[in-house]
Amino acid sequence: MSKPKQLTPEQKIKALEQELADTKLKAQFFEAIVDVLDKDFGVRITKKQRSKLLNKKR
């Protein structure tokens, strides 16, 4: 195996900006899912309910 190349600061910034953009897109997607569940199906997902669901699975 060869060692990974060191990125220049500009390359690293570009990669991090792309990762940030991807993360923002994922967040928007999940927010849209939550909105659809709430508006179309009457399912409300809040932080408190999520923790209850996680505890039930354990």
C-alpha atoms as a PDB file:
ATOM      1  CA  MET A   1       0.000   0.000   0.000  1.00  0.00           C
ATOM      2  CA  SER A   2       1.227   3.444  -0.786  1.00  0.00           C
ATOM      3  CA  LYS A   3       0.948   6.336   1.594  1.00  0.00           C
ATOM      4  CA  PRO A   4      -1.872   8.786   0.839  1.00  0.00           C
ATOM      5  CA  LYS A   5      -0.669  12.001  -0.733  1.00  0.00           C
ATOM      6  CA  GLN A   6      -0.606  15.081   1.427  1.00  0.00           C
ATOM      7  CA  LEU A   7      -3.169  17.574   0.232  1.00  0.00           C
ATOM      8  CA  THR A   8      -2.239  21.162  -0.281  1.00  0.00           C
ATOM      9  CA  PRO A   9      -4.135  23.624   1.909  1.00  0.00           C
ATOM     10  CA  GLU A  10      -6.209  24.643  -1.121  1.00  0.00           C
ATOM     11  CA  GLN A  11      -7.100  21.027  -1.887  1.00  0.00           C
ATOM     12  CA  LYS A  12      -7.989  20.362   1.724  1.00  0.00           C
ATOM     13  CA  ILE A  13     -10.220  23.459   1.850  1.00  0.00           C
ATOM     14  CA  LYS A  14     -11.948  22.391  -1.362  1.00  0.00           C
ATOM     15  CA  ALA A  15     -12.517  18.868  -0.001  1.00  0.00           C
ATOM     16  CA  LEU A  16     -13.873  20.223   3.282  1.00  0.00           C
ATOM     17  CA  GLU A  17     -16.163  22.654   1.448  1.00  0.00           C
ATOM     18  CA  GLN A  18     -17.536  19.751  -0.609  1.00  0.00           C
ATOM     19  CA  GLU A  19     -18.037  17.671   2.527  1.00  0.00           C
ATOM     20  CA  LEU A  20     -19.864  20.596   4.150  1.00  0.00           C
ATOM     21  CA  ALA A  21     -22.101  21.021   1.114  1.00  0.00           C
ATOM     22  CA  ASP A  22     -22.921  17.294   1.158  1.00  0.00           C
ATOM     23  CA  THR A  23     -23.709  17.419   4.869  1.00  0.00           C
ATOM     24  CA  LYS A  24     -25.996  20.434   4.397  1.00  0.00           C
ATOM     25  CA  LEU A  25     -27.819  18.625   1.592  1.00  0.00           C
ATOM     26  CA  LYS A  26     -28.331  15.571   3.810  1.00  0.00           C
ATOM     27  CA  ALA A  27     -29.660  17.759   6.616  1.00  0.00           C
ATOM     28  CA  GLN A  28     -32.133  19.412   4.235  1.00  0.00           C
ATOM     29  CA  PHE A  29     -33.240  15.986   3.017  1.00  0.00           C
ATOM     30  CA  PHE A  30     -33.901  14.698   6.526  1.00  0.00           C
ATOM     31  CA  GLU A  31     -35.710  17.915   7.488  1.00  0.00           C
ATOM     32  CA  ALA A  32     -37.931  17.448   4.423  1.00  0.00           C
ATOM     33  CA  ILE A  33     -38.661  13.856   5.478  1.00  0.00           C
ATOM     34  CA  VAL A  34     -39.648  15.024   8.956  1.00  0.00           C
ATOM     35  CA  ASP A  35     -41.878  17.735   7.443  1.00  0.00           C
ATOM     36  CA  VAL A  36     -43.637  15.207   5.189  1.00  0.00           C
ATOM     37  CA  LEU A  37     -44.160  12.817   8.096  1.00  0.00           C
ATOM     38  CA  ASP A  38     -45.665  15.649  10.126  1.00  0.00           C
ATOM     39  CA  LYS A  39     -47.845  17.222   7.426  1.00  0.00           C
ATOM     40  CA  ASP A  40     -48.980  14.157   5.477  1.00  0.00           C
ATOM     41  CA  PHE A  41     -49.086  11.489   8.153  1.00  0.00           C
ATOM     42  CA  GLY A  42     -49.458  13.430  11.387  1.00  0.00           C
ATOM     43  CA  VAL A  43     -46.302  11.853  12.777  1.00  0.00           C
ATOM     44  CA  ARG A  44     -44.336  14.258  14.915  1.00  0.00           C
ATOM     45  CA  ILE A  45     -40.720  13.449  15.536  1.00  0.00           C
ATOM     46  CA  THR A  46     -39.134  15.465  18.277  1.00  0.00           C
ATOM     47  CA  LYS A  47     -35.875  15.041  20.089  1.00  0.00           C
ATOM     48  CA  LYS A  48     -37.687  13.645  23.122  1.00  0.00           C
ATOM     49  CA  GLN A  49     -39.572  11.047  21.059  1.00  0.00           C
ATOM     50  CA  ARG A  50     -36.405   9.982  19.255  1.00  0.00           C
ATOM     51  CA  SER A  51     -34.677   9.217  22.549  1.00  0.00           C
ATOM     52  CA  LYS A  52     -37.698   7.175  23.662  1.00  0.00           C
ATOM     53  CA  LEU A  53     -37.566   5.181  20.431  1.00  0.00           C
ATOM     54  CA  LEU A  54     -33.861   4.523  20.845  1.00  0.00           C
ATOM     55  CA  ASN A  55     -34.348   3.318  24.419  1.00  0.00           C
ATOM     56  CA  LYS A  56     -37.093   0.898  23.310  1.00  0.00           C
ATOM     57  CA  LYS A  57     -34.744  -0.700  20.763  1.00  0.00           C
ATOM     58  CA  ARG A  58     -32.087  -1.440  23.397  1.00  0.00           C
END
